[in-house]
Amino acid sequence: MKEADLYPDLKAYLEAQGYVVKGEVGACDILARRGVEPAVVVEMKLSFSLALVMQGVARQAMFDDVYLAVPVTEKGWKLRYKDIVALCRRLGLGLLAVKPGQVEAHLDPAPYSPRKNTIRAGRLLREFERRVGDPNLGGTTGIKRVTAYRQDALRCLLAMQAGAVKPAAIAKAAGVARAGDILRADHYGWFERVSTGIYALTPQGQVAIVAEAAEIARLDCARVGGQDASV
């Protein structure tokens, strides 16, 4: 397939809506007009790519209504569809999907004003503030993340080395207000309730004290020093 193979279907699609269509007008793959309405530009590629997006953005310097057109037979279209639509919407670009003898409009050009997800943003900012130091290497994958929750659980581990104790005592000793919730949830398998309101470490928790000794020591030093340990 060549880019030119997309043109007949796109031309027919636009003409059916009353547009006069012409190909290769200056830098535009397709330029269309309907009466005195603003012109419509369509940029074509055989796959959705950065090059296509850059072409569309460049045309926006001249026209408001700019569409990107790709064949739906391209590999990965279904897998990337939501991301493709989200990107086009963000940039104010339209999106046309070309099938043999058919064109589907998936998105029309329009100004984009994103709605901020304040709940998710607040959650991330709380995690940022609660997390001690910078324990994770940015850009890594496939490894366990050190979260503020895990750091609080490690503090509880340290405070429970002496034996079974009440959550309130752990909260005070470890400086972890949510100690009770952490012990009851037992997300890491480190804690167990041995009697009503009394918790102790599991064998797995005992192992974690040794395995996480360096991180526990760093957290303890940070708490004693009253500052955010960055190393």
Protein backbone atom coordinates (compact mmCIF):
# COMPACT_ATOMS: atom_id res chain seq x y z
CA MET A 1 0.00 0.00 0.00
CA LYS A 2 1.08 3.56 -0.73
CA GLU A 3 -0.14 6.80 0.81
CA ALA A 4 -1.73 7.66 -2.53
CA ASP A 5 -3.98 4.59 -2.12
CA LEU A 6 -5.76 6.38 0.72
CA TYR A 7 -6.61 9.43 -1.35
CA PRO A 8 -9.58 8.14 -3.40
CA ASP A 9 -11.54 7.02 -0.34
CA LEU A 10 -10.77 10.22 1.56
CA LYS A 11 -11.70 12.36 -1.45
CA ALA A 12 -14.98 10.50 -1.89
CA TYR A 13 -15.74 10.82 1.82
CA LEU A 14 -15.25 14.58 1.81
CA GLU A 15 -17.06 15.13 -1.48
CA ALA A 16 -20.07 13.24 -0.13
CA GLN A 17 -20.26 15.97 2.53
CA GLY A 18 -20.22 18.73 -0.04
CA TYR A 19 -16.55 19.60 -0.06
CA VAL A 20 -14.46 20.47 -3.08
CA VAL A 21 -11.32 18.40 -2.64
CA LYS A 22 -7.84 18.84 -4.11
CA GLY A 23 -4.68 16.87 -3.41
CA GLU A 24 -1.15 18.11 -2.83
CA VAL A 25 -1.92 21.78 -2.42
CA GLY A 26 1.37 23.20 -1.21
CA ALA A 27 2.50 21.17 1.79
CA CYS A 28 -1.00 19.78 2.42
CA ASP A 29 -1.80 16.21 1.38
CA ILE A 30 -5.47 17.15 1.02
CA LEU A 31 -7.14 20.55 1.12
CA ALA A 32 -10.94 20.76 1.04
CA ARG A 33 -13.44 23.61 1.07
CA ARG A 34 -17.22 23.78 1.38
CA GLY A 35 -18.60 27.13 0.34
CA VAL A 36 -17.36 29.93 2.59
CA GLU A 37 -16.62 27.59 5.50
CA PRO A 38 -13.07 27.33 6.86
CA ALA A 39 -10.82 24.99 4.89
CA VAL A 40 -10.19 21.42 6.03
CA VAL A 41 -6.75 19.81 5.82
CA VAL A 42 -6.08 16.07 5.87
CA GLU A 43 -2.59 14.61 6.34
CA MET A 44 -2.10 10.95 5.41
CA LYS A 45 0.31 8.26 6.53
CA LEU A 46 0.29 4.46 6.35
CA SER A 47 0.67 4.27 10.12
CA PHE A 48 0.11 6.56 13.05
CA SER A 49 3.51 8.04 13.81
CA LEU A 50 5.29 11.03 15.26
CA ALA A 51 5.96 12.23 11.72
CA LEU A 52 2.21 12.31 11.03
CA VAL A 53 1.48 14.16 14.26
CA MET A 54 4.17 16.72 13.49
CA GLN A 55 2.67 17.27 10.04
CA GLY A 56 -0.75 17.85 11.58
CA VAL A 57 0.62 20.29 14.15
CA ALA A 58 2.46 22.18 11.41
CA ARG A 59 -0.76 22.58 9.41
CA GLN A 60 -2.50 23.99 12.50
CA ALA A 61 -0.33 27.07 12.06
CA MET A 62 -2.45 27.81 8.96
CA PHE A 63 -5.83 26.10 9.51
CA ASP A 64 -7.98 25.17 12.49
CA ASP A 65 -9.57 22.02 11.05
CA VAL A 66 -6.79 19.49 10.55
CA TYR A 67 -7.34 15.73 10.32
CA LEU A 68 -4.86 12.87 10.47
CA ALA A 69 -5.77 9.86 8.32
CA VAL A 70 -4.41 6.32 8.59
CA PRO A 71 -5.59 2.89 7.44
CA VAL A 72 -7.18 0.84 10.21
CA THR A 73 -5.32 -2.23 8.95
CA GLU A 74 -2.07 -0.94 10.41
CA LYS A 75 -0.49 -3.20 13.02
CA GLY A 76 -1.28 -2.17 16.55
CA TRP A 77 -4.25 0.08 15.71
CA LYS A 78 -6.57 -1.67 18.18
CA LEU A 79 -3.92 -1.83 20.89
CA ARG A 80 -3.05 1.86 20.57
CA TYR A 81 -6.49 3.22 19.68
CA LYS A 82 -7.29 4.88 23.03
CA ASP A 83 -3.87 6.49 23.24
CA ILE A 84 -4.07 7.68 19.63
CA VAL A 85 -7.47 9.29 20.19
CA ALA A 86 -6.33 10.85 23.48
CA LEU A 87 -3.26 12.36 21.82
CA CYS A 88 -5.24 13.77 18.89
CA ARG A 89 -7.83 15.24 21.24
CA ARG A 90 -5.10 16.80 23.34
CA LEU A 91 -3.59 18.45 20.26
CA GLY A 92 -6.91 19.50 18.78
CA LEU A 93 -6.46 17.24 15.73
CA GLY A 94 -9.14 15.19 13.99
CA LEU A 95 -8.71 11.48 13.24
CA LEU A 96 -9.93 9.57 10.19
CA ALA A 97 -9.68 5.80 9.84
CA VAL A 98 -9.55 4.55 6.27
CA LYS A 99 -10.88 1.15 5.26
CA PRO A 100 -11.25 -0.13 1.69
CA GLY A 101 -14.09 1.93 0.27
CA GLN A 102 -14.92 3.49 3.61
CA VAL A 103 -13.76 6.28 5.93
CA GLU A 104 -14.71 6.57 9.60
CA ALA A 105 -14.36 9.82 11.53
CA HIS A 106 -13.20 8.92 15.04
CA LEU A 107 -12.54 12.46 16.19
CA ASP A 108 -13.21 15.98 14.93
CA PRO A 109 -10.77 18.86 15.50
CA ALA A 110 -11.67 20.94 18.54
CA PRO A 111 -9.92 23.10 21.13
CA TYR A 112 -8.87 21.00 24.11
CA SER A 113 -9.14 22.10 27.72
CA PRO A 114 -8.18 19.16 29.92
CA ARG A 115 -10.02 18.50 33.16
CA LYS A 116 -7.51 17.98 35.90
CA ASN A 117 -7.94 14.82 37.98
CA THR A 118 -7.49 16.50 41.33
CA ILE A 119 -8.14 13.29 43.27
CA ARG A 120 -5.30 11.40 41.56
CA ALA A 121 -3.05 14.44 41.72
CA GLY A 122 -3.70 14.78 45.45
CA ARG A 123 -2.92 11.10 45.98
CA LEU A 124 0.42 11.46 44.21
CA LEU A 125 1.32 14.60 46.14
CA ARG A 126 0.50 12.89 49.45
CA GLU A 127 2.72 9.98 48.46
CA PHE A 128 5.49 12.44 47.60
CA GLU A 129 5.23 14.21 50.96
CA ARG A 130 5.05 11.01 53.02
CA ARG A 131 7.83 9.13 51.27
CA VAL A 132 11.20 9.43 53.02
CA GLY A 133 14.06 10.24 50.67
CA ASP A 134 14.29 9.03 47.09
CA PRO A 135 14.58 5.23 47.37
CA ASN A 136 13.55 4.39 43.79
CA LEU A 137 15.65 4.83 40.67
CA GLY A 138 13.54 6.62 38.05
CA GLY A 139 13.06 4.77 34.77
CA THR A 140 13.44 1.25 36.16
CA THR A 141 10.88 -1.51 35.56
CA GLY A 142 10.20 -4.97 36.90
CA ILE A 143 11.37 -4.24 40.45
CA LYS A 144 9.52 -3.59 43.71
CA ARG A 145 8.78 0.05 44.42
CA VAL A 146 9.45 1.55 47.82
CA THR A 147 6.30 3.47 48.73
CA ALA A 148 5.45 5.58 51.76
CA TYR A 149 3.16 2.72 52.87
CA ARG A 150 6.03 0.23 52.72
CA GLN A 151 8.27 2.63 54.62
CA ASP A 152 5.63 2.93 57.36
CA ALA A 153 5.36 -0.87 57.49
CA LEU A 154 9.14 -1.09 57.87
CA ARG A 155 8.98 1.36 60.77
CA CYS A 156 6.39 -0.89 62.39
CA LEU A 157 8.72 -3.85 61.92
CA LEU A 158 11.46 -2.03 63.77
CA ALA A 159 9.15 -1.09 66.64
CA MET A 160 7.89 -4.68 67.03
CA GLN A 161 11.21 -6.43 67.44
CA ALA A 162 10.78 -6.66 71.22
CA GLY A 163 7.62 -8.78 70.97
CA ALA A 164 3.83 -8.68 70.83
CA VAL A 165 2.31 -5.27 71.34
CA LYS A 166 -0.81 -3.15 70.81
CA PRO A 167 -1.19 -1.07 67.60
CA ALA A 168 -1.45 2.14 69.64
CA ALA A 169 1.96 1.47 71.15
CA ILE A 170 3.40 0.79 67.70
CA ALA A 171 1.91 4.00 66.36
CA LYS A 172 3.60 5.98 69.13
CA ALA A 173 6.94 4.16 69.02
CA ALA A 174 7.24 4.12 65.23
CA GLY A 175 5.69 7.51 64.61
CA VAL A 176 3.20 5.89 62.22
CA ALA A 177 -0.35 7.13 62.75
CA ARG A 178 -1.85 4.43 60.54
CA ALA A 179 -0.01 1.59 62.28
CA GLY A 180 -3.27 -0.12 63.26
CA ASP A 181 -4.48 -0.22 59.67
CA ILE A 182 -1.12 -1.54 58.46
CA LEU A 183 -1.05 -4.33 61.04
CA ARG A 184 -4.63 -5.38 60.32
CA ALA A 185 -4.16 -5.32 56.52
CA ASP A 186 -0.86 -7.22 56.74
CA HIS A 187 -0.13 -6.45 53.10
CA TYR A 188 3.37 -7.95 53.21
CA GLY A 189 2.69 -10.93 55.48
CA TRP A 190 4.85 -9.49 58.26
CA PHE A 191 2.26 -9.13 61.04
CA GLU A 192 -0.25 -11.37 62.78
CA ARG A 193 -2.80 -10.93 65.53
CA VAL A 194 -1.91 -13.21 68.43
CA SER A 195 -4.81 -12.14 70.68
CA THR A 196 -7.45 -9.44 70.84
CA GLY A 197 -5.76 -6.14 70.02
CA ILE A 198 -2.28 -7.62 70.22
CA TYR A 199 0.04 -8.13 67.23
CA ALA A 200 3.40 -9.79 66.71
CA LEU A 201 5.79 -10.44 63.84
CA THR A 202 5.38 -13.48 61.62
CA PRO A 203 8.40 -15.58 60.60
CA GLN A 204 8.28 -13.68 57.32
CA GLY A 205 8.41 -10.45 59.28
CA GLN A 206 11.48 -11.66 61.16
CA VAL A 207 13.17 -12.38 57.85
CA ALA A 208 12.21 -8.95 56.54
CA ILE A 209 13.94 -7.25 59.48
CA VAL A 210 17.22 -8.73 58.30
CA ALA A 211 16.56 -8.36 54.57
CA GLU A 212 15.45 -4.74 54.93
CA ALA A 213 17.99 -3.78 57.59
CA ALA A 214 19.62 -1.04 55.52
CA GLU A 215 16.32 0.64 54.63
CA ILE A 216 15.03 0.30 58.20
CA ALA A 217 18.19 1.91 59.56
CA ARG A 218 17.92 4.76 57.06
CA LEU A 219 14.30 5.39 58.01
CA ASP A 220 15.13 5.28 61.71
CA CYS A 221 17.94 7.79 61.24
CA ALA A 222 15.66 10.06 59.23
CA ARG A 223 12.99 9.95 61.94
CA VAL A 224 15.45 10.65 64.73
CA GLY A 225 17.00 13.45 62.72
CA GLY A 226 13.59 14.83 61.86
CA GLN A 227 14.39 15.27 58.20
CA ASP A 228 13.80 13.67 54.82
CA ALA A 229 16.67 11.28 54.11
CA SER A 230 17.52 11.58 50.44
CA VAL A 231 20.18 8.90 50.25
